[in-house]
Each structure stands twice: as structure tokens, then as C-alpha cells.
Amino acid sequence: MAAKAGEKAQQTGDFFCASCDEKVHVTKGDTIPACPNGHKTFETRRNEP
């Protein structure tokens, strides 16, 4: 499931950037930030509770 920065996270987990595979941890209901390298599309989510 692809996700984009600025969207609300539907689940808690680690989102991995589609461009550089950098990890961003997001809690359910929070806004997904851009990755530390400025990319805004996330390809995968892992480590769900």
C-alpha cells in the first residue's frame, strides 16, 4: 500500500520511503511526514503492533 506525506496514517508502523528506503515511524492518526531526505512517497509499512 503506497502512502504519501501529508496523509493521516491509518495504522501505526514504520513507513519506508519508495525512493531511498529511509524509515519513518508513524502512529495511527498522525500525519505522515516526508522522509529525512525530503521524499514524500512511501512504498511499504512494517512493524505494525
PDB file of N, CA and C in Angstrom:
ATOM      1  N   MET A   1       0.837  -1.175   0.000  1.00  0.00           N
ATOM      2  CA  MET A   1       0.000   0.000   0.000  1.00  0.00           C
ATOM      3  C   MET A   1       0.885   1.243   0.000  1.00  0.00           C
ATOM      4  N   ALA A   2       0.758   2.052  -0.992  1.00  0.00           N
ATOM      5  CA  ALA A   2       1.538   3.283  -1.056  1.00  0.00           C
ATOM      6  C   ALA A   2       0.872   4.352  -0.192  1.00  0.00           C
ATOM      7  N   ALA A   3       1.688   5.144   0.461  1.00  0.00           N
ATOM      8  CA  ALA A   3       1.201   6.257   1.272  1.00  0.00           C
ATOM      9  C   ALA A   3       2.025   7.489   0.910  1.00  0.00           C
ATOM     10  N   LYS A   4       1.482   8.650   1.177  1.00  0.00           N
ATOM     11  CA  LYS A   4       2.174   9.893   0.843  1.00  0.00           C
ATOM     12  C   LYS A   4       2.266  10.792   2.070  1.00  0.00           C
ATOM     13  N   ALA A   5       3.332  11.571   2.126  1.00  0.00           N
ATOM     14  CA  ALA A   5       3.492  12.552   3.193  1.00  0.00           C
ATOM     15  C   ALA A   5       2.295  13.494   3.172  1.00  0.00           C
ATOM     16  N   GLY A   6       1.813  13.843   4.359  1.00  0.00           N
ATOM     17  CA  GLY A   6       0.666  14.728   4.476  1.00  0.00           C
ATOM     18  C   GLY A   6      -0.638  13.991   4.725  1.00  0.00           C
ATOM     19  N   GLU A   7      -0.675  12.684   4.421  1.00  0.00           N
ATOM     20  CA  GLU A   7      -1.865  11.882   4.698  1.00  0.00           C
ATOM     21  C   GLU A   7      -1.879  11.470   6.165  1.00  0.00           C
ATOM     22  N   LYS A   8      -3.049  11.111   6.676  1.00  0.00           N
ATOM     23  CA  LYS A   8      -3.174  10.562   8.028  1.00  0.00           C
ATOM     24  C   LYS A   8      -2.844   9.075   7.967  1.00  0.00           C
ATOM     25  N   ALA A   9      -2.037   8.604   8.917  1.00  0.00           N
ATOM     26  CA  ALA A   9      -1.692   7.183   8.981  1.00  0.00           C
ATOM     27  C   ALA A   9      -2.912   6.395   9.451  1.00  0.00           C
ATOM     28  N   GLN A  10      -3.274   5.368   8.702  1.00  0.00           N
ATOM     29  CA  GLN A  10      -4.407   4.537   9.078  1.00  0.00           C
ATOM     30  C   GLN A  10      -4.002   3.470  10.086  1.00  0.00           C
ATOM     31  N   GLN A  11      -2.697   3.173  10.163  1.00  0.00           N
ATOM     32  CA  GLN A  11      -2.168   2.203  11.109  1.00  0.00           C
ATOM     33  C   GLN A  11      -0.831   2.700  11.630  1.00  0.00           C
ATOM     34  N   THR A  12      -0.467   2.280  12.840  1.00  0.00           N
ATOM     35  CA  THR A  12       0.855   2.571  13.390  1.00  0.00           C
ATOM     36  C   THR A  12       1.869   1.649  12.731  1.00  0.00           C
ATOM     37  N   GLY A  13       3.052   2.152  12.453  1.00  0.00           N
ATOM     38  CA  GLY A  13       4.105   1.312  11.904  1.00  0.00           C
ATOM     39  C   GLY A  13       5.250   2.130  11.349  1.00  0.00           C
ATOM     40  N   ASP A  14       6.217   1.422  10.775  1.00  0.00           N
ATOM     41  CA  ASP A  14       7.372   2.048  10.140  1.00  0.00           C
ATOM     42  C   ASP A  14       7.104   2.132   8.649  1.00  0.00           C
ATOM     43  N   PHE A  15       7.101   3.345   8.133  1.00  0.00           N
ATOM     44  CA  PHE A  15       6.902   3.558   6.700  1.00  0.00           C
ATOM     45  C   PHE A  15       8.273   3.688   6.053  1.00  0.00           C
ATOM     46  N   PHE A  16       8.471   3.010   4.907  1.00  0.00           N
ATOM     47  CA  PHE A  16       9.758   3.024   4.216  1.00  0.00           C
ATOM     48  C   PHE A  16       9.625   3.758   2.893  1.00  0.00           C
ATOM     49  N   CYS A  17      10.494   4.752   2.705  1.00  0.00           N
ATOM     50  CA  CYS A  17      10.484   5.619   1.528  1.00  0.00           C
ATOM     51  C   CYS A  17      10.627   4.813   0.237  1.00  0.00           C
ATOM     52  N   ALA A  18       9.817   5.157  -0.760  1.00  0.00           N
ATOM     53  CA  ALA A  18       9.881   4.485  -2.062  1.00  0.00           C
ATOM     54  C   ALA A  18      11.146   4.861  -2.823  1.00  0.00           C
ATOM     55  N   SER A  19      11.745   6.016  -2.523  1.00  0.00           N
ATOM     56  CA  SER A  19      12.923   6.470  -3.258  1.00  0.00           C
ATOM     57  C   SER A  19      14.237   6.016  -2.639  1.00  0.00           C
ATOM     58  N   CYS A  20      14.332   6.080  -1.299  1.00  0.00           N
ATOM     59  CA  CYS A  20      15.634   5.806  -0.675  1.00  0.00           C
ATOM     60  C   CYS A  20      15.575   4.772   0.455  1.00  0.00           C
ATOM     61  N   ASP A  21      14.395   4.219   0.745  1.00  0.00           N
ATOM     62  CA  ASP A  21      14.188   3.191   1.764  1.00  0.00           C
ATOM     63  C   ASP A  21      14.442   3.694   3.188  1.00  0.00           C
ATOM     64  N   GLU A  22      14.459   5.013   3.389  1.00  0.00           N
ATOM     65  CA  GLU A  22      14.609   5.591   4.731  1.00  0.00           C
ATOM     66  C   GLU A  22      13.343   5.293   5.536  1.00  0.00           C
ATOM     67  N   LYS A  23      13.488   5.033   6.828  1.00  0.00           N
ATOM     68  CA  LYS A  23      12.363   4.666   7.695  1.00  0.00           C
ATOM     69  C   LYS A  23      11.819   5.884   8.435  1.00  0.00           C
ATOM     70  N   VAL A  24      10.480   5.958   8.493  1.00  0.00           N
ATOM     71  CA  VAL A  24       9.786   6.978   9.280  1.00  0.00           C
ATOM     72  C   VAL A  24       8.742   6.249  10.115  1.00  0.00           C
ATOM     73  N   HIS A  25       8.799   6.388  11.451  1.00  0.00           N
ATOM     74  CA  HIS A  25       7.805   5.748  12.315  1.00  0.00           C
ATOM     75  C   HIS A  25       6.631   6.699  12.505  1.00  0.00           C
ATOM     76  N   VAL A  26       5.418   6.172  12.309  1.00  0.00           N
ATOM     77  CA  VAL A  26       4.215   6.983  12.421  1.00  0.00           C
ATOM     78  C   VAL A  26       3.177   6.239  13.271  1.00  0.00           C
ATOM     79  N   THR A  27       2.488   6.974  14.133  1.00  0.00           N
ATOM     80  CA  THR A  27       1.424   6.423  14.961  1.00  0.00           C
ATOM     81  C   THR A  27       0.079   6.648  14.274  1.00  0.00           C
ATOM     82  N   LYS A  28      -0.805   5.677  14.399  1.00  0.00           N
ATOM     83  CA  LYS A  28      -2.134   5.760  13.790  1.00  0.00           C
ATOM     84  C   LYS A  28      -2.781   7.116  14.106  1.00  0.00           C
ATOM     85  N   GLY A  29      -3.312   7.771  13.060  1.00  0.00           N
ATOM     86  CA  GLY A  29      -3.987   9.050  13.217  1.00  0.00           C
ATOM     87  C   GLY A  29      -3.083  10.256  13.045  1.00  0.00           C
ATOM     88  N   ASP A  30      -1.764  10.060  13.122  1.00  0.00           N
ATOM     89  CA  ASP A  30      -0.829  11.165  12.929  1.00  0.00           C
ATOM     90  C   ASP A  30      -0.628  11.432  11.437  1.00  0.00           C
ATOM     91  N   THR A  31      -0.171  12.625  11.109  1.00  0.00           N
ATOM     92  CA  THR A  31       0.144  12.968   9.725  1.00  0.00           C
ATOM     93  C   THR A  31       1.499  12.373   9.365  1.00  0.00           C
ATOM     94  N   ILE A  32       1.570  11.753   8.204  1.00  0.00           N
ATOM     95  CA  ILE A  32       2.817  11.150   7.738  1.00  0.00           C
ATOM     96  C   ILE A  32       3.753  12.264   7.273  1.00  0.00           C
ATOM     97  N   PRO A  33       4.966  12.347   7.847  1.00  0.00           N
ATOM     98  CA  PRO A  33       5.908  13.384   7.417  1.00  0.00           C
ATOM     99  C   PRO A  33       6.686  12.924   6.179  1.00  0.00           C
ATOM    100  N   ALA A  34       7.391  13.837   5.548  1.00  0.00           N
ATOM    101  CA  ALA A  34       8.329  13.461   4.482  1.00  0.00           C
ATOM    102  C   ALA A  34       9.477  12.687   5.111  1.00  0.00           C
ATOM    103  N   CYS A  35      10.159  11.873   4.336  1.00  0.00           N
ATOM    104  CA  CYS A  35      11.314  11.151   4.871  1.00  0.00           C
ATOM    105  C   CYS A  35      12.433  12.163   5.157  1.00  0.00           C
ATOM    106  N   PRO A  36      13.447  11.778   5.935  1.00  0.00           N
ATOM    107  CA  PRO A  36      14.528  12.712   6.270  1.00  0.00           C
ATOM    108  C   PRO A  36      15.257  13.281   5.042  1.00  0.00           C
ATOM    109  N   ASN A  37      15.127  12.607   3.893  1.00  0.00           N
ATOM    110  CA  ASN A  37      15.779  13.080   2.671  1.00  0.00           C
ATOM    111  C   ASN A  37      14.835  13.904   1.791  1.00  0.00           C
ATOM    112  N   GLY A  38      13.623  14.198   2.307  1.00  0.00           N
ATOM    113  CA  GLY A  38      12.698  15.070   1.601  1.00  0.00           C
ATOM    114  C   GLY A  38      11.740  14.399   0.637  1.00  0.00           C
ATOM    115  N   HIS A  39      11.803  13.072   0.514  1.00  0.00           N
ATOM    116  CA  HIS A  39      10.881  12.371  -0.386  1.00  0.00           C
ATOM    117  C   HIS A  39       9.517  12.244   0.283  1.00  0.00           C
ATOM    118  N   LYS A  40       8.471  12.082  -0.533  1.00  0.00           N
ATOM    119  CA  LYS A  40       7.118  12.126   0.025  1.00  0.00           C
ATOM    120  C   LYS A  40       6.271  10.898  -0.260  1.00  0.00           C
ATOM    121  N   THR A  41       6.818   9.868  -0.882  1.00  0.00           N
ATOM    122  CA  THR A  41       6.052   8.663  -1.176  1.00  0.00           C
ATOM    123  C   THR A  41       6.666   7.473  -0.447  1.00  0.00           C
ATOM    124  N   PHE A  42       5.812   6.699   0.211  1.00  0.00           N
ATOM    125  CA  PHE A  42       6.251   5.534   0.970  1.00  0.00           C
ATOM    126  C   PHE A  42       5.656   4.284   0.355  1.00  0.00           C
ATOM    127  N   GLU A  43       6.511   3.280   0.118  1.00  0.00           N
ATOM    128  CA  GLU A  43       6.094   2.074  -0.574  1.00  0.00           C
ATOM    129  C   GLU A  43       5.577   0.998   0.381  1.00  0.00           C
ATOM    130  N   THR A  44       6.236   0.796   1.509  1.00  0.00           N
ATOM    131  CA  THR A  44       5.849  -0.287   2.404  1.00  0.00           C
ATOM    132  C   THR A  44       5.712   0.207   3.835  1.00  0.00           C
ATOM    133  N   ARG A  45       4.959  -0.568   4.620  1.00  0.00           N
ATOM    134  CA  ARG A  45       4.825  -0.299   6.052  1.00  0.00           C
ATOM    135  C   ARG A  45       5.096  -1.617   6.774  1.00  0.00           C
ATOM    136  N   ARG A  46       5.959  -1.577   7.792  1.00  0.00           N
ATOM    137  CA  ARG A  46       6.300  -2.771   8.565  1.00  0.00           C
ATOM    138  C   ARG A  46       6.229  -2.450  10.049  1.00  0.00           C
ATOM    139  N   ASN A  47       6.377  -3.497  10.859  1.00  0.00           N
ATOM    140  CA  ASN A  47       6.412  -3.374  12.327  1.00  0.00           C
ATOM    141  C   ASN A  47       5.122  -2.811  12.894  1.00  0.00           C
ATOM    142  N   GLU A  48       4.000  -3.280  12.360  1.00  0.00           N
ATOM    143  CA  GLU A  48       2.727  -2.885  12.918  1.00  0.00           C
ATOM    144  C   GLU A  48       2.555  -3.564  14.288  1.00  0.00           C
ATOM    145  N   PRO A  49       1.885  -2.902  15.218  1.00  0.00           N
ATOM    146  CA  PRO A  49       1.695  -3.511  16.539  1.00  0.00           C
ATOM    147  C   PRO A  49       0.745  -4.686  16.492  1.00  0.00           C
TER     148      PRO A  49
END
